[in-house]
N, C-alpha and C. Protein backbone atom coordinates (compact mmCIF):
# COMPACT_ATOMS: atom_id res chain seq x y z
N UNK A 1 194.82 125.72 45.48
CA UNK A 1 193.67 125.18 44.84
C UNK A 1 194.03 123.80 44.32
N UNK A 2 193.16 122.82 44.64
CA UNK A 2 193.43 121.45 44.26
C UNK A 2 192.57 121.10 43.06
N UNK A 3 193.14 121.01 41.90
CA UNK A 3 192.46 120.62 40.68
C UNK A 3 192.82 119.18 40.36
N UNK A 4 192.02 118.28 40.84
CA UNK A 4 192.28 116.87 40.61
C UNK A 4 191.65 116.46 39.29
N UNK A 5 192.46 116.38 38.26
CA UNK A 5 191.98 116.05 36.92
C UNK A 5 191.83 114.55 36.71
N UNK A 6 192.36 113.79 37.59
CA UNK A 6 192.28 112.34 37.48
C UNK A 6 191.54 111.80 38.70
N UNK A 7 190.20 111.61 38.60
CA UNK A 7 189.46 111.12 39.76
C UNK A 7 189.86 109.68 40.10
N UNK A 8 189.72 109.39 41.35
CA UNK A 8 190.09 108.05 41.80
C UNK A 8 189.07 107.03 41.33
N UNK A 9 189.43 105.82 41.47
CA UNK A 9 188.57 104.71 41.05
C UNK A 9 187.21 104.78 41.76
N UNK A 10 187.16 105.05 43.04
CA UNK A 10 185.91 105.13 43.79
C UNK A 10 185.03 106.28 43.32
N UNK A 11 185.59 107.37 42.95
CA UNK A 11 184.82 108.53 42.47
C UNK A 11 184.14 108.19 41.15
N UNK A 12 184.83 107.50 40.26
CA UNK A 12 184.23 107.12 38.97
C UNK A 12 183.10 106.11 39.19
N UNK A 13 183.25 105.20 40.09
CA UNK A 13 182.26 104.16 40.34
C UNK A 13 180.96 104.73 40.89
N UNK A 14 180.96 105.78 41.59
CA UNK A 14 179.76 106.33 42.21
C UNK A 14 178.85 107.05 41.23
N UNK A 15 179.25 107.17 39.98
CA UNK A 15 178.44 107.90 39.01
C UNK A 15 177.42 107.02 38.29
N UNK A 16 177.37 105.74 38.51
CA UNK A 16 176.42 104.87 37.79
C UNK A 16 176.33 103.50 38.43
N UNK A 17 175.58 102.63 37.79
CA UNK A 17 175.39 101.27 38.28
C UNK A 17 176.21 100.31 37.44
N UNK A 18 176.66 99.27 38.09
CA UNK A 18 177.40 98.25 37.34
C UNK A 18 176.40 97.35 36.62
N UNK A 19 176.88 96.62 35.66
CA UNK A 19 176.03 95.72 34.90
C UNK A 19 175.41 94.66 35.81
N UNK A 20 176.16 94.17 36.76
CA UNK A 20 175.65 93.16 37.71
C UNK A 20 174.49 93.74 38.51
N UNK A 21 174.61 94.96 38.99
CA UNK A 21 173.53 95.57 39.76
C UNK A 21 172.27 95.72 38.92
N UNK A 22 172.40 96.12 37.67
CA UNK A 22 171.26 96.28 36.77
C UNK A 22 170.60 94.93 36.52
N UNK A 23 171.39 93.89 36.30
CA UNK A 23 170.84 92.55 36.06
C UNK A 23 170.08 92.05 37.28
N UNK A 24 170.62 92.27 38.47
CA UNK A 24 169.95 91.84 39.70
C UNK A 24 168.61 92.55 39.86
N UNK A 25 168.57 93.84 39.63
CA UNK A 25 167.32 94.61 39.76
C UNK A 25 166.30 94.14 38.73
N UNK A 26 166.71 93.93 37.50
CA UNK A 26 165.79 93.47 36.45
C UNK A 26 165.26 92.07 36.80
N UNK A 27 166.10 91.21 37.33
CA UNK A 27 165.67 89.87 37.73
C UNK A 27 164.63 89.95 38.85
N UNK A 28 164.86 90.79 39.84
CA UNK A 28 163.91 90.94 40.94
C UNK A 28 162.59 91.49 40.42
N UNK A 29 162.63 92.49 39.56
CA UNK A 29 161.40 93.05 38.98
C UNK A 29 160.66 91.97 38.19
N UNK A 30 161.38 91.18 37.42
CA UNK A 30 160.76 90.10 36.65
C UNK A 30 160.07 89.08 37.53
N UNK A 31 160.70 88.71 38.64
CA UNK A 31 160.09 87.76 39.56
C UNK A 31 158.83 88.33 40.20
N UNK A 32 158.86 89.59 40.58
CA UNK A 32 157.67 90.23 41.17
C UNK A 32 156.53 90.29 40.14
N UNK A 33 156.84 90.67 38.91
CA UNK A 33 155.82 90.75 37.86
C UNK A 33 155.25 89.37 37.57
N UNK A 34 156.07 88.34 37.51
CA UNK A 34 155.59 86.98 37.26
C UNK A 34 154.68 86.51 38.39
N UNK A 35 155.06 86.78 39.62
CA UNK A 35 154.23 86.39 40.76
C UNK A 35 152.90 87.13 40.73
N UNK A 36 152.94 88.44 40.52
CA UNK A 36 151.70 89.24 40.50
C UNK A 36 150.83 88.83 39.32
N UNK A 37 151.42 88.56 38.17
CA UNK A 37 150.66 88.15 36.99
C UNK A 37 149.91 86.86 37.22
N UNK A 38 150.56 85.90 37.86
CA UNK A 38 149.88 84.63 38.12
C UNK A 38 148.71 84.82 39.08
N UNK A 39 148.87 85.70 40.04
CA UNK A 39 147.77 85.99 40.98
C UNK A 39 146.61 86.68 40.26
N UNK A 40 146.92 87.63 39.40
CA UNK A 40 145.88 88.37 38.68
C UNK A 40 145.14 87.46 37.72
N UNK A 41 145.87 86.64 36.94
CA UNK A 41 145.21 85.76 35.98
C UNK A 41 144.39 84.69 36.68
N UNK A 42 144.80 84.26 37.84
CA UNK A 42 144.01 83.31 38.61
C UNK A 42 142.68 83.91 39.02
N UNK A 43 142.68 85.19 39.36
CA UNK A 43 141.45 85.88 39.72
C UNK A 43 140.56 86.09 38.51
N UNK A 44 141.17 86.30 37.33
CA UNK A 44 140.39 86.49 36.11
C UNK A 44 139.60 85.23 35.78
N UNK A 45 140.20 84.05 35.98
CA UNK A 45 139.49 82.80 35.74
C UNK A 45 138.30 82.65 36.68
N UNK A 46 138.50 83.00 37.95
CA UNK A 46 137.40 82.92 38.92
C UNK A 46 136.29 83.90 38.54
N UNK A 47 136.68 85.08 38.08
CA UNK A 47 135.69 86.08 37.69
C UNK A 47 134.87 85.60 36.49
N UNK A 48 135.52 84.96 35.52
CA UNK A 48 134.79 84.46 34.35
C UNK A 48 133.84 83.33 34.74
N UNK A 49 134.23 82.49 35.66
CA UNK A 49 133.32 81.44 36.13
C UNK A 49 132.10 82.06 36.81
N UNK A 50 132.33 83.10 37.59
CA UNK A 50 131.21 83.81 38.23
C UNK A 50 130.31 84.48 37.20
N UNK A 51 130.94 85.06 36.17
CA UNK A 51 130.17 85.69 35.10
C UNK A 51 129.37 84.65 34.33
N UNK A 52 129.92 83.47 34.11
CA UNK A 52 129.19 82.40 33.42
C UNK A 52 127.94 82.03 34.22
N UNK A 53 128.08 81.89 35.53
CA UNK A 53 126.92 81.56 36.37
C UNK A 53 125.88 82.68 36.31
N UNK A 54 126.34 83.93 36.34
CA UNK A 54 125.41 85.07 36.26
C UNK A 54 124.70 85.10 34.92
N UNK A 55 125.41 84.81 33.84
CA UNK A 55 124.77 84.78 32.51
C UNK A 55 123.73 83.68 32.43
N UNK A 56 124.05 82.53 32.99
CA UNK A 56 123.08 81.43 33.00
C UNK A 56 121.83 81.84 33.76
N UNK A 57 122.01 82.52 34.89
CA UNK A 57 120.86 82.99 35.66
C UNK A 57 120.04 83.99 34.85
N UNK A 58 120.72 84.90 34.16
CA UNK A 58 120.04 85.91 33.35
C UNK A 58 119.29 85.27 32.18
N UNK A 59 119.94 84.37 31.48
CA UNK A 59 119.29 83.70 30.35
C UNK A 59 118.11 82.87 30.85
N UNK A 60 118.26 82.23 32.00
CA UNK A 60 117.16 81.44 32.57
C UNK A 60 115.95 82.33 32.84
N UNK A 61 116.20 83.54 33.34
CA UNK A 61 115.10 84.48 33.58
C UNK A 61 114.44 84.88 32.27
N UNK A 62 115.24 85.07 31.22
CA UNK A 62 114.68 85.43 29.91
C UNK A 62 113.88 84.26 29.33
N UNK A 63 114.35 83.04 29.55
CA UNK A 63 113.60 81.87 29.11
C UNK A 63 112.26 81.78 29.84
N UNK A 64 112.25 82.13 31.12
CA UNK A 64 110.99 82.15 31.88
C UNK A 64 110.04 83.20 31.31
N UNK A 65 110.57 84.36 30.93
CA UNK A 65 109.73 85.40 30.30
C UNK A 65 109.16 84.90 28.98
N UNK A 66 109.99 84.22 28.19
CA UNK A 66 109.55 83.63 26.93
C UNK A 66 108.38 82.68 27.19
N UNK A 67 108.52 81.84 28.22
CA UNK A 67 107.46 80.88 28.54
C UNK A 67 106.19 81.59 28.97
N UNK A 68 106.33 82.64 29.76
CA UNK A 68 105.15 83.39 30.19
C UNK A 68 104.40 83.96 28.98
N UNK A 69 105.14 84.45 27.99
CA UNK A 69 104.53 85.04 26.80
C UNK A 69 103.94 83.98 25.87
N UNK A 70 104.67 82.91 25.65
CA UNK A 70 104.30 81.95 24.60
C UNK A 70 103.63 80.68 25.12
N UNK A 71 103.75 80.43 26.43
CA UNK A 71 103.16 79.22 27.00
C UNK A 71 104.08 78.02 26.99
N UNK A 72 105.31 78.18 26.48
CA UNK A 72 106.27 77.07 26.43
C UNK A 72 107.68 77.62 26.36
N UNK A 73 108.64 76.75 26.67
CA UNK A 73 110.05 77.11 26.48
C UNK A 73 110.43 76.80 25.04
N UNK A 74 111.46 77.47 24.51
CA UNK A 74 111.91 77.10 23.16
C UNK A 74 112.35 75.64 23.14
N UNK A 75 112.14 74.97 22.03
CA UNK A 75 112.60 73.59 21.89
C UNK A 75 114.12 73.58 21.77
N UNK A 76 114.69 72.41 21.91
CA UNK A 76 116.14 72.28 21.75
C UNK A 76 116.54 72.72 20.34
N UNK A 77 115.75 72.36 19.34
CA UNK A 77 116.06 72.76 17.96
C UNK A 77 115.98 74.27 17.76
N UNK A 78 114.99 74.91 18.38
CA UNK A 78 114.89 76.38 18.28
C UNK A 78 116.05 77.04 19.00
N UNK A 79 116.43 76.46 20.11
CA UNK A 79 117.57 76.94 20.87
C UNK A 79 117.41 78.33 21.44
N UNK A 80 118.52 78.88 21.90
CA UNK A 80 118.50 80.21 22.52
C UNK A 80 118.28 81.32 21.50
N UNK A 81 118.44 81.01 20.22
CA UNK A 81 118.16 82.01 19.17
C UNK A 81 116.70 82.47 19.22
N UNK A 82 115.83 81.64 19.80
CA UNK A 82 114.42 82.01 19.94
C UNK A 82 114.24 83.22 20.86
N UNK A 83 115.28 83.52 21.65
CA UNK A 83 115.23 84.71 22.50
C UNK A 83 115.55 85.97 21.69
N UNK A 84 116.18 85.80 20.54
CA UNK A 84 116.57 86.93 19.68
C UNK A 84 115.53 87.23 18.60
N UNK A 85 114.97 86.18 18.02
CA UNK A 85 114.01 86.35 16.91
C UNK A 85 112.96 85.26 17.00
N UNK A 86 111.77 85.58 16.58
CA UNK A 86 110.68 84.62 16.59
C UNK A 86 111.07 83.44 15.70
N UNK A 87 111.08 82.23 16.26
CA UNK A 87 111.48 81.07 15.45
C UNK A 87 110.44 80.68 14.40
N UNK A 88 109.32 81.34 14.41
CA UNK A 88 108.26 81.05 13.43
C UNK A 88 107.18 80.19 14.04
N UNK A 89 105.94 80.60 13.84
CA UNK A 89 104.82 79.83 14.34
C UNK A 89 104.64 79.90 15.84
N UNK A 90 105.27 80.85 16.49
CA UNK A 90 105.16 80.98 17.94
C UNK A 90 104.27 82.19 18.23
N UNK A 91 103.07 81.92 18.71
CA UNK A 91 102.14 83.00 19.04
C UNK A 91 102.54 83.72 20.30
N UNK A 92 102.18 84.98 20.38
CA UNK A 92 102.44 85.83 21.55
C UNK A 92 103.92 86.05 21.84
N UNK A 93 104.80 85.77 20.86
CA UNK A 93 106.23 86.05 21.04
C UNK A 93 106.37 87.55 21.20
N UNK A 94 107.00 88.00 22.26
CA UNK A 94 107.08 89.43 22.57
C UNK A 94 108.53 89.85 22.77
N UNK A 95 109.42 89.37 21.91
CA UNK A 95 110.85 89.62 22.07
C UNK A 95 111.32 90.76 21.23
N UNK A 96 112.57 90.95 21.09
CA UNK A 96 113.61 90.04 21.58
C UNK A 96 113.77 90.10 23.10
N UNK A 97 114.12 88.99 23.65
CA UNK A 97 114.27 88.85 25.10
C UNK A 97 115.69 89.13 25.57
N UNK A 98 116.63 89.13 24.65
CA UNK A 98 118.02 89.51 24.93
C UNK A 98 118.44 90.56 23.92
N UNK A 99 119.46 91.36 24.27
CA UNK A 99 119.88 92.49 23.42
C UNK A 99 120.53 92.04 22.12
N UNK A 100 121.45 91.06 22.21
CA UNK A 100 122.18 90.64 21.02
C UNK A 100 122.69 89.21 21.21
N UNK A 101 123.29 88.67 20.16
CA UNK A 101 123.75 87.28 20.20
C UNK A 101 124.84 87.05 21.24
N UNK A 102 125.60 88.07 21.60
CA UNK A 102 126.63 87.91 22.63
C UNK A 102 126.03 87.60 23.99
N UNK A 103 124.79 88.01 24.21
CA UNK A 103 124.14 87.77 25.50
C UNK A 103 123.82 86.30 25.73
N UNK A 104 123.84 85.49 24.68
CA UNK A 104 123.56 84.06 24.84
C UNK A 104 124.83 83.22 24.68
N UNK A 105 125.99 83.87 24.80
CA UNK A 105 127.28 83.18 24.79
C UNK A 105 127.89 83.23 26.18
N UNK A 106 128.81 82.33 26.44
CA UNK A 106 129.48 82.35 27.74
C UNK A 106 130.63 83.36 27.71
N UNK A 107 131.28 83.62 28.84
CA UNK A 107 132.35 84.63 28.87
C UNK A 107 133.56 84.30 28.00
N UNK A 108 133.67 83.06 27.54
CA UNK A 108 134.77 82.66 26.65
C UNK A 108 134.33 82.72 25.19
N UNK A 109 133.17 83.32 24.96
CA UNK A 109 132.60 83.52 23.62
C UNK A 109 132.18 82.21 22.95
N UNK A 110 131.88 81.20 23.74
CA UNK A 110 131.35 79.94 23.23
C UNK A 110 129.83 79.95 23.39
N UNK A 111 129.14 79.23 22.51
CA UNK A 111 127.69 79.11 22.64
C UNK A 111 127.34 78.33 23.90
N UNK A 112 126.31 78.79 24.58
CA UNK A 112 125.78 78.02 25.71
C UNK A 112 125.09 76.78 25.14
N UNK A 113 125.08 75.70 25.88
CA UNK A 113 124.40 74.48 25.48
C UNK A 113 123.00 74.52 26.10
N UNK A 114 121.98 74.45 25.26
CA UNK A 114 120.59 74.52 25.71
C UNK A 114 119.87 73.24 25.32
N UNK A 115 119.13 72.69 26.29
CA UNK A 115 118.36 71.47 26.05
C UNK A 115 117.01 71.60 26.73
N UNK A 116 115.94 71.41 25.95
CA UNK A 116 114.60 71.48 26.51
C UNK A 116 113.74 70.37 25.91
N UNK A 117 113.11 69.55 26.68
CA UNK A 117 113.15 69.56 28.14
C UNK A 117 114.50 69.08 28.67
N UNK A 118 114.79 69.49 29.90
CA UNK A 118 116.05 69.11 30.52
C UNK A 118 115.97 67.73 31.14
N UNK A 119 117.05 67.33 31.74
CA UNK A 119 117.11 66.04 32.41
C UNK A 119 116.43 66.11 33.78
N UNK A 120 116.03 64.96 34.29
CA UNK A 120 115.47 64.83 35.64
C UNK A 120 114.25 65.72 35.88
N UNK A 121 113.43 65.88 34.84
CA UNK A 121 112.18 66.63 34.99
C UNK A 121 112.33 68.14 34.96
N UNK A 122 113.53 68.64 34.74
CA UNK A 122 113.71 70.09 34.66
C UNK A 122 113.14 70.59 33.33
N UNK A 123 112.61 71.81 33.30
CA UNK A 123 112.06 72.33 32.03
C UNK A 123 113.14 72.56 30.96
N UNK A 124 114.35 72.89 31.41
CA UNK A 124 115.47 73.06 30.47
C UNK A 124 116.77 72.93 31.22
N UNK A 125 117.83 72.63 30.49
CA UNK A 125 119.20 72.63 31.01
C UNK A 125 120.00 73.63 30.19
N UNK A 126 120.80 74.42 30.87
CA UNK A 126 121.63 75.43 30.23
C UNK A 126 123.03 75.29 30.80
N UNK A 127 124.03 75.14 29.91
CA UNK A 127 125.39 74.83 30.35
C UNK A 127 126.43 75.62 29.58
N UNK A 128 127.45 76.10 30.30
CA UNK A 128 128.67 76.64 29.70
C UNK A 128 129.75 75.59 29.91
N UNK A 129 130.51 75.30 28.87
CA UNK A 129 131.55 74.27 28.98
C UNK A 129 132.88 74.80 29.51
N UNK A 130 132.91 76.03 29.98
CA UNK A 130 134.13 76.58 30.58
C UNK A 130 135.13 77.05 29.55
N UNK A 131 136.32 77.37 30.02
CA UNK A 131 137.35 77.98 29.19
C UNK A 131 137.79 77.08 28.04
N UNK A 132 137.82 75.76 28.26
CA UNK A 132 138.30 74.85 27.21
C UNK A 132 137.24 74.48 26.19
N UNK A 133 135.96 74.81 26.46
CA UNK A 133 134.88 74.49 25.52
C UNK A 133 134.61 73.00 25.40
N UNK A 134 135.10 72.20 26.36
CA UNK A 134 134.90 70.75 26.33
C UNK A 134 134.18 70.31 27.60
N UNK A 135 133.46 69.23 27.50
CA UNK A 135 132.72 68.72 28.64
C UNK A 135 133.68 68.29 29.75
N UNK A 136 133.30 68.60 30.99
CA UNK A 136 134.13 68.25 32.15
C UNK A 136 135.21 69.28 32.37
N UNK A 137 136.16 68.94 33.20
CA UNK A 137 137.29 69.82 33.47
C UNK A 137 137.28 70.34 34.89
N UNK A 138 138.38 70.99 35.24
CA UNK A 138 138.55 71.56 36.58
C UNK A 138 139.03 72.99 36.45
N UNK A 139 138.89 73.74 37.52
CA UNK A 139 139.34 75.14 37.51
C UNK A 139 138.54 75.93 36.48
N UNK A 140 139.25 76.71 35.66
CA UNK A 140 138.59 77.54 34.65
C UNK A 140 137.94 76.70 33.55
N UNK A 141 138.32 75.43 33.46
CA UNK A 141 137.77 74.55 32.42
C UNK A 141 136.49 73.82 32.87
N UNK A 142 136.09 74.00 34.12
CA UNK A 142 134.93 73.25 34.60
C UNK A 142 133.65 73.79 34.00
N UNK A 143 132.67 72.90 33.88
CA UNK A 143 131.37 73.27 33.33
C UNK A 143 130.56 74.00 34.38
N UNK A 144 129.74 74.94 33.92
CA UNK A 144 128.82 75.67 34.80
C UNK A 144 127.43 75.46 34.22
N UNK A 145 126.49 75.00 35.06
CA UNK A 145 125.16 74.65 34.57
C UNK A 145 124.06 75.30 35.38
N UNK A 146 122.89 75.38 34.78
CA UNK A 146 121.73 75.95 35.46
C UNK A 146 121.25 75.04 36.59
N UNK A 147 121.65 73.79 36.58
CA UNK A 147 121.19 72.84 37.58
C UNK A 147 122.24 72.55 38.64
N UNK A 148 123.32 73.33 38.70
CA UNK A 148 124.36 73.15 39.74
C UNK A 148 123.87 73.63 41.08
């Protein structure tokens, strides 16, 4: 009977991973997660831009309903709040036209910019300033407007 109480160097090594092997695996996992994260966050920005355009379309439809009921669009001073509560002195107001104040904000939780009458003969202009909340920009920071 062979009772080897002192295992060889190779036998001890096969019971676990070396520190170098663990570091290499963690580095590879980190690189994969970083790559995947950048792809996912890039898609999130595109999705928010799409949502901003959809919200502008929805708010525009609610503004049209407001006009059908009252005979006019809210003034710039009355703003989009006129879709939530009667601004006063508006006959035939049949709202609220939106569920809550979040419905008149862009996906970045900034207020939409409303102007009535709009430029170039449009009845109104409605704009989201994008992720940065500033005029202009590219990518996720670009403005989205009802007249695009």
